[in-house]
Amino acid sequence: MSDNHGTASLKTTNVAIPDYLTGTWKADPVHSEIAFSAHHLMVSKIRGRFTGYDVTIVTSEDPLTSSVTATIDLASIDTGYRSRDDHLRSADYLEVERYPTMGYRSTGIRRTGDGWAVDGDLTLHGVTRQVPLAVEVNGFTPDPFGGQRAGFSATTRIDRRDFGIDLVLPLDGGGVVVGDKVSISLEIQAVLQK
């Protein structure tokens, strides 16, 4: 053991995680990002992010029994264009006055080749669905301030219609204004809580 928080290098399922530490971690909002993209007019993608969120990661001695919870403030959506953000907050899409947050709670973790998959329940717009995250563990490291940091990247893709967000604005030549599939990416730098 390197200290009270874990081991210097944990080996599990034949894969070593260098400098792995156990404990409770919180996402640092200054060095993290939760972003999304969706097709627009069938020819390009609109990208945005959520600036308000709380992400907690609990790393266990066995990484496969670790857990992740996240709450995202949907009103914090930011695509860089105020009128579009207001429309996305409206009853046409996220309906933030009725459903102010999106939540995620992991139900299991498994190995997938060189990476990891986090299985979990995503609650959005009053609907809960199982949504897996493809996760990369970027590393564990001390920071210059006497703390410990961990980095994680995660991606997934959802169909907004599965969550009752089903407005369709058809184009005259075929297709729709906003695509149904939404790609979500997370870049999380987490701080070990003391």
N, C-alpha and C. Protein backbone atom coordinates (compact mmCIF):
# COMPACT_ATOMS: atom_id res chain seq x y z
N MET A 1 0.83 -1.19 0.00
CA MET A 1 0.00 0.00 0.00
C MET A 1 0.88 1.25 0.00
N SER A 2 0.51 2.22 -0.82
CA SER A 2 1.29 3.44 -0.86
C SER A 2 0.82 4.43 0.19
N ASP A 3 -0.47 4.41 0.54
CA ASP A 3 -1.02 5.27 1.58
C ASP A 3 -2.39 4.75 1.94
N ASN A 4 -3.16 5.55 2.67
CA ASN A 4 -4.48 5.10 3.11
C ASN A 4 -5.50 5.09 2.00
N HIS A 5 -5.16 5.62 0.85
CA HIS A 5 -6.14 5.75 -0.23
C HIS A 5 -6.04 4.67 -1.28
N GLY A 6 -5.05 3.79 -1.25
CA GLY A 6 -5.02 2.77 -2.28
C GLY A 6 -3.64 2.21 -2.50
N THR A 7 -3.45 1.64 -3.66
CA THR A 7 -2.18 1.01 -3.98
C THR A 7 -1.48 1.78 -5.07
N ALA A 8 -0.15 1.59 -5.15
CA ALA A 8 0.62 2.31 -6.15
C ALA A 8 0.29 1.84 -7.55
N SER A 9 0.03 0.57 -7.72
CA SER A 9 -0.35 0.04 -9.02
C SER A 9 -1.22 -1.18 -8.80
N LEU A 10 -2.47 -1.08 -9.18
CA LEU A 10 -3.40 -2.18 -8.97
C LEU A 10 -3.52 -2.98 -10.24
N LYS A 11 -3.43 -4.29 -10.11
CA LYS A 11 -3.59 -5.16 -11.27
C LYS A 11 -4.90 -5.91 -11.12
N THR A 12 -5.74 -5.78 -12.13
CA THR A 12 -7.03 -6.45 -12.09
C THR A 12 -7.35 -6.97 -13.48
N THR A 13 -7.94 -8.12 -13.55
CA THR A 13 -8.29 -8.75 -14.83
C THR A 13 -7.15 -8.63 -15.84
N ASN A 14 -5.93 -8.87 -15.35
CA ASN A 14 -4.73 -8.88 -16.19
C ASN A 14 -4.35 -7.51 -16.75
N VAL A 15 -4.89 -6.43 -16.18
CA VAL A 15 -4.55 -5.10 -16.65
C VAL A 15 -4.12 -4.25 -15.46
N ALA A 16 -2.95 -3.64 -15.56
CA ALA A 16 -2.46 -2.78 -14.48
C ALA A 16 -2.97 -1.36 -14.67
N ILE A 17 -3.37 -0.74 -13.56
CA ILE A 17 -3.74 0.67 -13.56
C ILE A 17 -2.68 1.39 -12.74
N PRO A 18 -1.73 2.05 -13.39
CA PRO A 18 -0.64 2.70 -12.64
C PRO A 18 -1.16 3.76 -11.67
N ASP A 19 -0.59 3.76 -10.48
CA ASP A 19 -0.86 4.78 -9.45
C ASP A 19 -2.32 4.83 -9.03
N TYR A 20 -3.04 3.73 -9.21
CA TYR A 20 -4.46 3.66 -8.86
C TYR A 20 -4.65 3.94 -7.37
N LEU A 21 -5.65 4.77 -7.07
CA LEU A 21 -6.00 5.10 -5.70
C LEU A 21 -7.47 4.85 -5.46
N THR A 22 -7.80 4.34 -4.29
CA THR A 22 -9.20 4.18 -3.92
C THR A 22 -9.67 5.43 -3.18
N GLY A 23 -10.96 5.68 -3.26
CA GLY A 23 -11.52 6.82 -2.55
C GLY A 23 -12.67 7.45 -3.32
N THR A 24 -13.11 8.59 -2.82
CA THR A 24 -14.20 9.35 -3.44
C THR A 24 -13.62 10.56 -4.15
N TRP A 25 -14.02 10.72 -5.41
CA TRP A 25 -13.49 11.77 -6.27
C TRP A 25 -14.64 12.66 -6.76
N LYS A 26 -14.37 13.96 -6.88
CA LYS A 26 -15.34 14.90 -7.43
C LYS A 26 -14.74 15.57 -8.66
N ALA A 27 -15.56 15.73 -9.69
CA ALA A 27 -15.09 16.41 -10.90
C ALA A 27 -14.74 17.86 -10.61
N ASP A 28 -13.60 18.29 -11.11
CA ASP A 28 -13.18 19.68 -11.02
C ASP A 28 -13.78 20.42 -12.22
N PRO A 29 -14.75 21.32 -11.98
CA PRO A 29 -15.43 21.95 -13.12
C PRO A 29 -14.52 22.84 -13.97
N VAL A 30 -13.40 23.27 -13.41
CA VAL A 30 -12.48 24.12 -14.18
C VAL A 30 -11.71 23.29 -15.20
N HIS A 31 -11.53 22.00 -14.92
CA HIS A 31 -10.72 21.15 -15.79
C HIS A 31 -11.51 19.96 -16.33
N SER A 32 -12.81 20.07 -16.37
CA SER A 32 -13.67 19.00 -16.88
C SER A 32 -14.65 19.58 -17.88
N GLU A 33 -15.25 18.70 -18.69
CA GLU A 33 -16.24 19.15 -19.66
C GLU A 33 -17.22 18.03 -19.97
N ILE A 34 -18.50 18.39 -20.02
CA ILE A 34 -19.54 17.48 -20.48
C ILE A 34 -20.12 18.11 -21.74
N ALA A 35 -19.91 17.46 -22.88
CA ALA A 35 -20.27 18.04 -24.17
C ALA A 35 -21.18 17.11 -24.95
N PHE A 36 -21.80 17.65 -26.00
CA PHE A 36 -22.69 16.85 -26.85
C PHE A 36 -22.65 17.40 -28.26
N SER A 37 -23.13 16.58 -29.19
CA SER A 37 -23.28 17.03 -30.57
C SER A 37 -24.45 16.31 -31.21
N ALA A 38 -25.08 16.97 -32.17
CA ALA A 38 -26.19 16.39 -32.92
C ALA A 38 -26.16 16.96 -34.33
N HIS A 39 -26.65 16.17 -35.29
CA HIS A 39 -26.68 16.64 -36.67
C HIS A 39 -27.69 17.78 -36.84
N HIS A 40 -27.32 18.72 -37.71
CA HIS A 40 -28.18 19.85 -38.02
C HIS A 40 -28.31 19.95 -39.54
N LEU A 41 -29.55 19.95 -40.01
CA LEU A 41 -29.85 20.04 -41.45
C LEU A 41 -29.22 18.90 -42.24
N MET A 42 -28.88 17.81 -41.55
CA MET A 42 -28.36 16.59 -42.17
C MET A 42 -26.95 16.74 -42.75
N VAL A 43 -26.35 17.93 -42.64
CA VAL A 43 -25.05 18.13 -43.29
C VAL A 43 -23.94 18.57 -42.35
N SER A 44 -24.27 18.91 -41.12
CA SER A 44 -23.24 19.35 -40.18
C SER A 44 -23.68 19.01 -38.77
N LYS A 45 -22.81 19.28 -37.82
CA LYS A 45 -23.12 19.01 -36.42
C LYS A 45 -23.11 20.29 -35.61
N ILE A 46 -24.04 20.38 -34.70
CA ILE A 46 -24.04 21.44 -33.70
C ILE A 46 -23.45 20.85 -32.43
N ARG A 47 -22.54 21.59 -31.82
CA ARG A 47 -21.91 21.13 -30.59
C ARG A 47 -22.28 22.06 -29.44
N GLY A 48 -22.32 21.49 -28.26
CA GLY A 48 -22.62 22.28 -27.07
C GLY A 48 -22.07 21.59 -25.84
N ARG A 49 -22.31 22.22 -24.71
CA ARG A 49 -21.84 21.65 -23.45
C ARG A 49 -22.77 22.06 -22.33
N PHE A 50 -22.61 21.40 -21.20
CA PHE A 50 -23.31 21.76 -19.98
C PHE A 50 -22.27 22.28 -19.01
N THR A 51 -22.51 23.46 -18.45
CA THR A 51 -21.52 24.07 -17.57
C THR A 51 -21.80 23.81 -16.09
N GLY A 52 -22.99 23.31 -15.77
CA GLY A 52 -23.34 23.02 -14.39
C GLY A 52 -23.55 21.54 -14.18
N TYR A 53 -22.74 20.93 -13.31
CA TYR A 53 -22.86 19.49 -13.08
C TYR A 53 -22.13 19.10 -11.81
N ASP A 54 -22.49 17.94 -11.30
CA ASP A 54 -21.80 17.33 -10.17
C ASP A 54 -21.54 15.88 -10.53
N VAL A 55 -20.29 15.49 -10.56
CA VAL A 55 -19.90 14.12 -10.88
C VAL A 55 -19.09 13.56 -9.72
N THR A 56 -19.52 12.41 -9.20
CA THR A 56 -18.82 11.73 -8.11
C THR A 56 -18.41 10.34 -8.58
N ILE A 57 -17.16 10.01 -8.38
CA ILE A 57 -16.62 8.69 -8.72
C ILE A 57 -16.06 8.08 -7.45
N VAL A 58 -16.47 6.86 -7.16
CA VAL A 58 -15.93 6.13 -6.01
C VAL A 58 -15.12 4.96 -6.54
N THR A 59 -13.80 5.00 -6.34
CA THR A 59 -12.94 3.92 -6.79
C THR A 59 -12.73 2.94 -5.64
N SER A 60 -12.96 1.66 -5.93
CA SER A 60 -12.85 0.59 -4.94
C SER A 60 -11.56 -0.19 -5.14
N GLU A 61 -11.22 -1.02 -4.16
CA GLU A 61 -10.04 -1.89 -4.29
C GLU A 61 -10.12 -2.71 -5.58
N ASP A 62 -11.29 -3.21 -5.88
CA ASP A 62 -11.55 -3.86 -7.17
C ASP A 62 -12.23 -2.84 -8.07
N PRO A 63 -11.55 -2.34 -9.11
CA PRO A 63 -12.16 -1.32 -9.96
C PRO A 63 -13.53 -1.71 -10.51
N LEU A 64 -13.78 -3.00 -10.67
CA LEU A 64 -15.07 -3.43 -11.22
C LEU A 64 -16.23 -3.19 -10.27
N THR A 65 -15.94 -2.88 -9.01
CA THR A 65 -17.00 -2.56 -8.05
C THR A 65 -17.04 -1.07 -7.74
N SER A 66 -16.33 -0.27 -8.52
CA SER A 66 -16.38 1.19 -8.36
C SER A 66 -17.73 1.71 -8.85
N SER A 67 -17.98 3.01 -8.64
CA SER A 67 -19.28 3.56 -9.03
C SER A 67 -19.14 5.00 -9.51
N VAL A 68 -20.15 5.43 -10.27
CA VAL A 68 -20.20 6.78 -10.81
C VAL A 68 -21.62 7.30 -10.66
N THR A 69 -21.75 8.54 -10.19
CA THR A 69 -23.04 9.23 -10.20
C THR A 69 -22.82 10.63 -10.76
N ALA A 70 -23.81 11.12 -11.49
CA ALA A 70 -23.70 12.46 -12.07
C ALA A 70 -25.07 13.12 -12.10
N THR A 71 -25.08 14.40 -11.82
CA THR A 71 -26.28 15.23 -11.97
C THR A 71 -25.89 16.43 -12.81
N ILE A 72 -26.64 16.67 -13.87
CA ILE A 72 -26.34 17.76 -14.80
C ILE A 72 -27.48 18.75 -14.79
N ASP A 73 -27.16 20.03 -14.61
CA ASP A 73 -28.13 21.12 -14.65
C ASP A 73 -28.42 21.44 -16.12
N LEU A 74 -29.60 21.04 -16.57
CA LEU A 74 -29.92 21.20 -18.00
C LEU A 74 -30.05 22.66 -18.42
N ALA A 75 -30.39 23.54 -17.49
CA ALA A 75 -30.48 24.96 -17.84
C ALA A 75 -29.12 25.54 -18.17
N SER A 76 -28.05 24.83 -17.81
CA SER A 76 -26.69 25.33 -18.08
C SER A 76 -26.22 25.01 -19.50
N ILE A 77 -27.12 24.53 -20.35
CA ILE A 77 -26.75 24.20 -21.73
C ILE A 77 -26.18 25.43 -22.43
N ASP A 78 -25.12 25.22 -23.20
CA ASP A 78 -24.44 26.32 -23.88
C ASP A 78 -23.95 25.84 -25.24
N THR A 79 -24.59 26.33 -26.30
CA THR A 79 -24.14 26.03 -27.66
C THR A 79 -23.48 27.25 -28.31
N GLY A 80 -23.32 28.31 -27.52
CA GLY A 80 -22.70 29.52 -28.04
C GLY A 80 -23.66 30.46 -28.74
N TYR A 81 -24.97 30.15 -28.69
CA TYR A 81 -25.97 30.98 -29.37
C TYR A 81 -27.21 31.03 -28.48
N ARG A 82 -27.47 32.19 -27.87
CA ARG A 82 -28.47 32.29 -26.82
C ARG A 82 -29.87 31.86 -27.25
N SER A 83 -30.33 32.28 -28.41
CA SER A 83 -31.70 31.94 -28.82
C SER A 83 -31.84 30.43 -29.04
N ARG A 84 -30.79 29.78 -29.55
CA ARG A 84 -30.85 28.33 -29.71
C ARG A 84 -30.86 27.65 -28.34
N ASP A 85 -30.05 28.15 -27.41
CA ASP A 85 -30.05 27.58 -26.06
C ASP A 85 -31.42 27.70 -25.41
N ASP A 86 -32.05 28.86 -25.58
CA ASP A 86 -33.40 29.05 -25.01
C ASP A 86 -34.39 28.08 -25.63
N HIS A 87 -34.27 27.83 -26.94
CA HIS A 87 -35.17 26.88 -27.59
C HIS A 87 -34.93 25.47 -27.08
N LEU A 88 -33.67 25.10 -26.88
CA LEU A 88 -33.36 23.77 -26.35
C LEU A 88 -33.87 23.59 -24.92
N ARG A 89 -33.93 24.68 -24.16
CA ARG A 89 -34.46 24.61 -22.79
C ARG A 89 -35.98 24.51 -22.77
N SER A 90 -36.64 24.85 -23.86
CA SER A 90 -38.10 24.96 -23.90
C SER A 90 -38.78 23.59 -23.94
N ALA A 91 -40.11 23.62 -23.93
CA ALA A 91 -40.91 22.38 -23.96
C ALA A 91 -40.72 21.61 -25.27
N ASP A 92 -40.17 22.24 -26.31
CA ASP A 92 -39.90 21.52 -27.55
C ASP A 92 -38.81 20.45 -27.37
N TYR A 93 -37.91 20.70 -26.43
CA TYR A 93 -36.77 19.79 -26.25
C TYR A 93 -36.60 19.37 -24.79
N LEU A 94 -35.75 20.04 -24.03
CA LEU A 94 -35.40 19.58 -22.69
C LEU A 94 -36.46 19.86 -21.63
N GLU A 95 -37.27 20.89 -21.86
CA GLU A 95 -38.35 21.22 -20.91
C GLU A 95 -37.79 21.38 -19.49
N VAL A 96 -36.83 22.30 -19.36
CA VAL A 96 -36.06 22.38 -18.11
C VAL A 96 -36.88 22.87 -16.92
N GLU A 97 -37.96 23.60 -17.15
CA GLU A 97 -38.77 24.02 -16.00
C GLU A 97 -39.43 22.83 -15.33
N ARG A 98 -39.75 21.81 -16.09
CA ARG A 98 -40.37 20.61 -15.54
C ARG A 98 -39.33 19.55 -15.17
N TYR A 99 -38.28 19.46 -15.96
CA TYR A 99 -37.22 18.46 -15.73
C TYR A 99 -35.87 19.18 -15.67
N PRO A 100 -35.52 19.75 -14.53
CA PRO A 100 -34.33 20.61 -14.46
C PRO A 100 -32.99 19.89 -14.55
N THR A 101 -32.97 18.59 -14.29
CA THR A 101 -31.68 17.90 -14.28
C THR A 101 -31.72 16.62 -15.11
N MET A 102 -30.54 16.18 -15.49
CA MET A 102 -30.32 14.87 -16.08
C MET A 102 -29.42 14.12 -15.10
N GLY A 103 -29.73 12.86 -14.85
CA GLY A 103 -28.95 12.10 -13.88
C GLY A 103 -28.43 10.80 -14.44
N TYR A 104 -27.30 10.37 -13.91
CA TYR A 104 -26.71 9.09 -14.29
C TYR A 104 -26.22 8.38 -13.04
N ARG A 105 -26.54 7.08 -12.95
CA ARG A 105 -26.08 6.26 -11.83
C ARG A 105 -25.60 4.93 -12.40
N SER A 106 -24.35 4.61 -12.12
CA SER A 106 -23.79 3.37 -12.65
C SER A 106 -24.41 2.16 -11.97
N THR A 107 -24.49 1.07 -12.73
CA THR A 107 -24.99 -0.20 -12.20
C THR A 107 -23.95 -1.31 -12.31
N GLY A 108 -22.84 -1.04 -13.00
CA GLY A 108 -21.79 -2.05 -13.14
C GLY A 108 -20.66 -1.54 -14.01
N ILE A 109 -19.51 -2.17 -13.86
CA ILE A 109 -18.33 -1.83 -14.65
C ILE A 109 -17.73 -3.12 -15.18
N ARG A 110 -17.27 -3.09 -16.43
CA ARG A 110 -16.69 -4.28 -17.04
C ARG A 110 -15.54 -3.89 -17.96
N ARG A 111 -14.68 -4.85 -18.22
CA ARG A 111 -13.58 -4.64 -19.15
C ARG A 111 -14.08 -4.83 -20.58
N THR A 112 -13.54 -4.04 -21.50
CA THR A 112 -13.86 -4.17 -22.92
C THR A 112 -12.56 -4.02 -23.70
N GLY A 113 -11.87 -5.12 -23.93
CA GLY A 113 -10.60 -5.04 -24.63
C GLY A 113 -9.60 -4.22 -23.84
N ASP A 114 -9.13 -3.12 -24.43
CA ASP A 114 -8.17 -2.26 -23.75
C ASP A 114 -8.84 -1.19 -22.90
N GLY A 115 -10.15 -1.13 -22.93
CA GLY A 115 -10.86 -0.09 -22.20
C GLY A 115 -11.80 -0.63 -21.15
N TRP A 116 -12.74 0.22 -20.78
CA TRP A 116 -13.71 -0.09 -19.75
C TRP A 116 -15.09 0.33 -20.25
N ALA A 117 -16.10 -0.33 -19.73
CA ALA A 117 -17.48 0.09 -19.99
C ALA A 117 -18.17 0.26 -18.65
N VAL A 118 -18.85 1.37 -18.49
CA VAL A 118 -19.67 1.61 -17.31
C VAL A 118 -21.12 1.48 -17.75
N ASP A 119 -21.82 0.52 -17.17
CA ASP A 119 -23.25 0.38 -17.42
C ASP A 119 -23.99 1.21 -16.39
N GLY A 120 -25.09 1.83 -16.80
CA GLY A 120 -25.81 2.65 -15.85
C GLY A 120 -27.15 3.11 -16.37
N ASP A 121 -27.88 3.78 -15.48
CA ASP A 121 -29.21 4.30 -15.79
C ASP A 121 -29.12 5.81 -15.99
N LEU A 122 -29.57 6.26 -17.17
CA LEU A 122 -29.63 7.68 -17.48
C LEU A 122 -31.07 8.13 -17.37
N THR A 123 -31.30 9.16 -16.56
CA THR A 123 -32.64 9.73 -16.41
C THR A 123 -32.66 11.11 -17.06
N LEU A 124 -33.53 11.27 -18.05
CA LEU A 124 -33.63 12.51 -18.81
C LEU A 124 -35.08 12.71 -19.21
N HIS A 125 -35.59 13.92 -18.98
CA HIS A 125 -36.94 14.25 -19.42
C HIS A 125 -37.98 13.31 -18.80
N GLY A 126 -37.72 12.88 -17.56
CA GLY A 126 -38.66 12.01 -16.84
C GLY A 126 -38.61 10.56 -17.23
N VAL A 127 -37.65 10.17 -18.06
CA VAL A 127 -37.53 8.79 -18.54
C VAL A 127 -36.17 8.24 -18.14
N THR A 128 -36.14 7.00 -17.67
CA THR A 128 -34.88 6.34 -17.31
C THR A 128 -34.62 5.19 -18.26
N ARG A 129 -33.43 5.18 -18.84
CA ARG A 129 -33.01 4.11 -19.75
C ARG A 129 -31.60 3.66 -19.38
N GLN A 130 -31.31 2.40 -19.70
CA GLN A 130 -29.95 1.91 -19.52
C GLN A 130 -29.07 2.45 -20.65
N VAL A 131 -27.98 3.08 -20.26
CA VAL A 131 -27.06 3.68 -21.22
C VAL A 131 -25.63 3.34 -20.80
N PRO A 132 -24.88 2.63 -21.65
CA PRO A 132 -23.48 2.33 -21.32
C PRO A 132 -22.56 3.47 -21.73
N LEU A 133 -21.49 3.63 -20.98
CA LEU A 133 -20.44 4.59 -21.32
C LEU A 133 -19.17 3.82 -21.68
N ALA A 134 -18.54 4.19 -22.78
CA ALA A 134 -17.21 3.68 -23.10
C ALA A 134 -16.21 4.58 -22.40
N VAL A 135 -15.37 4.01 -21.54
CA VAL A 135 -14.53 4.81 -20.66
C VAL A 135 -13.05 4.49 -20.87
N GLU A 136 -12.26 5.54 -20.87
CA GLU A 136 -10.80 5.40 -20.85
C GLU A 136 -10.29 6.00 -19.54
N VAL A 137 -9.49 5.23 -18.82
CA VAL A 137 -8.85 5.73 -17.60
C VAL A 137 -7.54 6.38 -18.02
N ASN A 138 -7.47 7.71 -17.87
CA ASN A 138 -6.32 8.45 -18.36
C ASN A 138 -5.16 8.49 -17.37
N GLY A 139 -5.44 8.20 -16.10
CA GLY A 139 -4.35 8.14 -15.14
C GLY A 139 -4.68 8.77 -13.81
N PHE A 140 -3.79 8.54 -12.86
CA PHE A 140 -3.86 9.08 -11.51
C PHE A 140 -2.55 9.79 -11.23
N THR A 141 -2.61 10.98 -10.60
CA THR A 141 -1.38 11.73 -10.39
C THR A 141 -1.54 12.70 -9.23
N PRO A 142 -0.46 12.99 -8.51
CA PRO A 142 -0.52 14.07 -7.53
C PRO A 142 -0.56 15.41 -8.25
N ASP A 143 -1.22 16.40 -7.63
CA ASP A 143 -1.22 17.75 -8.21
C ASP A 143 -0.24 18.63 -7.43
N PRO A 144 0.03 19.84 -7.92
CA PRO A 144 1.03 20.70 -7.26
C PRO A 144 0.59 21.25 -5.91
N PHE A 145 -0.65 20.97 -5.51
CA PHE A 145 -1.20 21.56 -4.29
C PHE A 145 -1.35 20.55 -3.16
N GLY A 146 -0.72 19.39 -3.31
CA GLY A 146 -0.78 18.39 -2.27
C GLY A 146 -1.95 17.44 -2.38
N GLY A 147 -2.71 17.55 -3.44
CA GLY A 147 -3.87 16.68 -3.64
C GLY A 147 -3.58 15.58 -4.66
N GLN A 148 -4.61 14.83 -4.95
CA GLN A 148 -4.52 13.76 -5.95
C GLN A 148 -5.58 13.99 -7.02
N ARG A 149 -5.22 13.73 -8.26
CA ARG A 149 -6.13 13.90 -9.40
C ARG A 149 -6.23 12.60 -10.18
N ALA A 150 -7.36 12.42 -10.84
CA ALA A 150 -7.56 11.29 -11.74
C ALA A 150 -8.27 11.79 -12.98
N GLY A 151 -7.93 11.22 -14.13
CA GLY A 151 -8.54 11.64 -15.38
C GLY A 151 -9.28 10.50 -16.06
N PHE A 152 -10.47 10.82 -16.57
CA PHE A 152 -11.31 9.84 -17.25
C PHE A 152 -11.93 10.49 -18.49
N SER A 153 -11.99 9.74 -19.58
CA SER A 153 -12.73 10.15 -20.78
C SER A 153 -13.84 9.14 -21.01
N ALA A 154 -15.02 9.63 -21.39
CA ALA A 154 -16.15 8.73 -21.61
C ALA A 154 -16.98 9.23 -22.78
N THR A 155 -17.56 8.29 -23.51
CA THR A 155 -18.45 8.64 -24.63
C THR A 155 -19.65 7.71 -24.65
N THR A 156 -20.73 8.22 -25.20
CA THR A 156 -21.91 7.40 -25.46
C THR A 156 -22.74 8.09 -26.52
N ARG A 157 -23.76 7.40 -26.98
CA ARG A 157 -24.67 7.97 -27.97
C ARG A 157 -26.08 7.55 -27.61
N ILE A 158 -27.00 8.49 -27.59
CA ILE A 158 -28.39 8.19 -27.27
C ILE A 158 -29.30 8.66 -28.40
N ASP A 159 -30.50 8.12 -28.40
CA ASP A 159 -31.55 8.59 -29.30
C ASP A 159 -32.51 9.41 -28.45
N ARG A 160 -32.62 10.69 -28.74
CA ARG A 160 -33.43 11.57 -27.90
C ARG A 160 -34.89 11.14 -27.85
N ARG A 161 -35.36 10.45 -28.88
CA ARG A 161 -36.76 9.99 -28.90
C ARG A 161 -37.01 8.95 -27.81
N ASP A 162 -35.97 8.21 -27.41
CA ASP A 162 -36.12 7.23 -26.33
C ASP A 162 -36.46 7.90 -25.01
N PHE A 163 -36.21 9.20 -24.92
CA PHE A 163 -36.47 9.95 -23.69
C PHE A 163 -37.63 10.93 -23.85
N GLY A 164 -38.45 10.71 -24.87
CA GLY A 164 -39.63 11.54 -25.07
C GLY A 164 -39.33 12.91 -25.63
N ILE A 165 -38.13 13.12 -26.15
CA ILE A 165 -37.77 14.39 -26.80
C ILE A 165 -37.86 14.13 -28.29
N ASP A 166 -39.06 14.28 -28.81
CA ASP A 166 -39.34 13.74 -30.14
C ASP A 166 -39.84 14.75 -31.16
N LEU A 167 -39.56 16.04 -30.93
CA LEU A 167 -39.95 17.04 -31.92
C LEU A 167 -39.23 16.77 -33.24
N VAL A 168 -39.99 16.74 -34.32
CA VAL A 168 -39.43 16.53 -35.66
C VAL A 168 -39.77 17.75 -36.52
N LEU A 169 -38.75 18.39 -37.05
CA LEU A 169 -38.94 19.50 -37.97
C LEU A 169 -38.41 19.05 -39.33
N PRO A 170 -39.31 18.61 -40.23
CA PRO A 170 -38.86 18.05 -41.51
C PRO A 170 -38.35 19.13 -42.47
N LEU A 171 -37.41 18.73 -43.30
CA LEU A 171 -36.91 19.59 -44.36
C LEU A 171 -37.69 19.31 -45.64
N ASP A 172 -37.85 20.33 -46.47
CA ASP A 172 -38.60 20.17 -47.71
C ASP A 172 -38.01 19.09 -48.61
N GLY A 173 -36.69 19.00 -48.63
CA GLY A 173 -36.04 18.03 -49.51
C GLY A 173 -35.79 16.68 -48.86
N GLY A 174 -36.38 16.46 -47.69
CA GLY A 174 -36.15 15.21 -46.96
C GLY A 174 -35.19 15.43 -45.81
N GLY A 175 -35.31 14.60 -44.81
CA GLY A 175 -34.47 14.75 -43.63
C GLY A 175 -35.12 15.67 -42.62
N VAL A 176 -34.37 15.98 -41.57
CA VAL A 176 -34.90 16.79 -40.48
C VAL A 176 -33.90 17.88 -40.10
N VAL A 177 -34.42 18.90 -39.40
CA VAL A 177 -33.57 20.01 -38.97
C VAL A 177 -32.58 19.54 -37.91
N VAL A 178 -33.08 18.80 -36.90
CA VAL A 178 -32.23 18.31 -35.81
C VAL A 178 -32.26 16.79 -35.79
N GLY A 179 -31.10 16.17 -35.80
CA GLY A 179 -31.03 14.71 -35.80
C GLY A 179 -31.50 14.11 -34.49
N ASP A 180 -31.89 12.83 -34.55
CA ASP A 180 -32.37 12.12 -33.37
C ASP A 180 -31.22 11.63 -32.49
N LYS A 181 -30.09 11.30 -33.08
CA LYS A 181 -28.97 10.75 -32.33
C LYS A 181 -28.14 11.88 -31.74
N VAL A 182 -27.82 11.73 -30.46
CA VAL A 182 -27.02 12.73 -29.75
C VAL A 182 -25.78 12.04 -29.18
N SER A 183 -24.62 12.51 -29.58
CA SER A 183 -23.36 11.99 -29.04
C SER A 183 -22.98 12.79 -27.80
N ILE A 184 -22.58 12.09 -26.75
CA ILE A 184 -22.22 12.73 -25.49
C ILE A 184 -20.79 12.34 -25.15
N SER A 185 -20.00 13.32 -24.74
CA SER A 185 -18.62 13.03 -24.34
C SER A 185 -18.32 13.73 -23.01
N LEU A 186 -17.53 13.05 -22.21
CA LEU A 186 -17.13 13.59 -20.92
C LEU A 186 -15.61 13.55 -20.80
N GLU A 187 -15.04 14.67 -20.42
CA GLU A 187 -13.63 14.74 -20.06
C GLU A 187 -13.61 15.16 -18.59
N ILE A 188 -13.28 14.22 -17.73
CA ILE A 188 -13.39 14.46 -16.29
C ILE A 188 -12.00 14.43 -15.65
N GLN A 189 -11.65 15.54 -15.01
CA GLN A 189 -10.50 15.56 -14.11
C GLN A 189 -11.07 15.64 -12.70
N ALA A 190 -10.84 14.59 -11.93
CA ALA A 190 -11.47 14.48 -10.62
C ALA A 190 -10.45 14.66 -9.51
N VAL A 191 -10.92 15.22 -8.40
CA VAL A 191 -10.07 15.50 -7.24
C VAL A 191 -10.44 14.54 -6.12
N LEU A 192 -9.44 13.89 -5.55
CA LEU A 192 -9.68 12.98 -4.43
C LEU A 192 -10.12 13.78 -3.21
N GLN A 193 -11.25 13.39 -2.63
CA GLN A 193 -11.77 14.09 -1.46
C GLN A 193 -11.07 13.58 -0.20
N LYS A 194 -10.84 14.50 0.72
CA LYS A 194 -10.14 14.13 1.96
C LYS A 194 -11.13 14.01 3.11
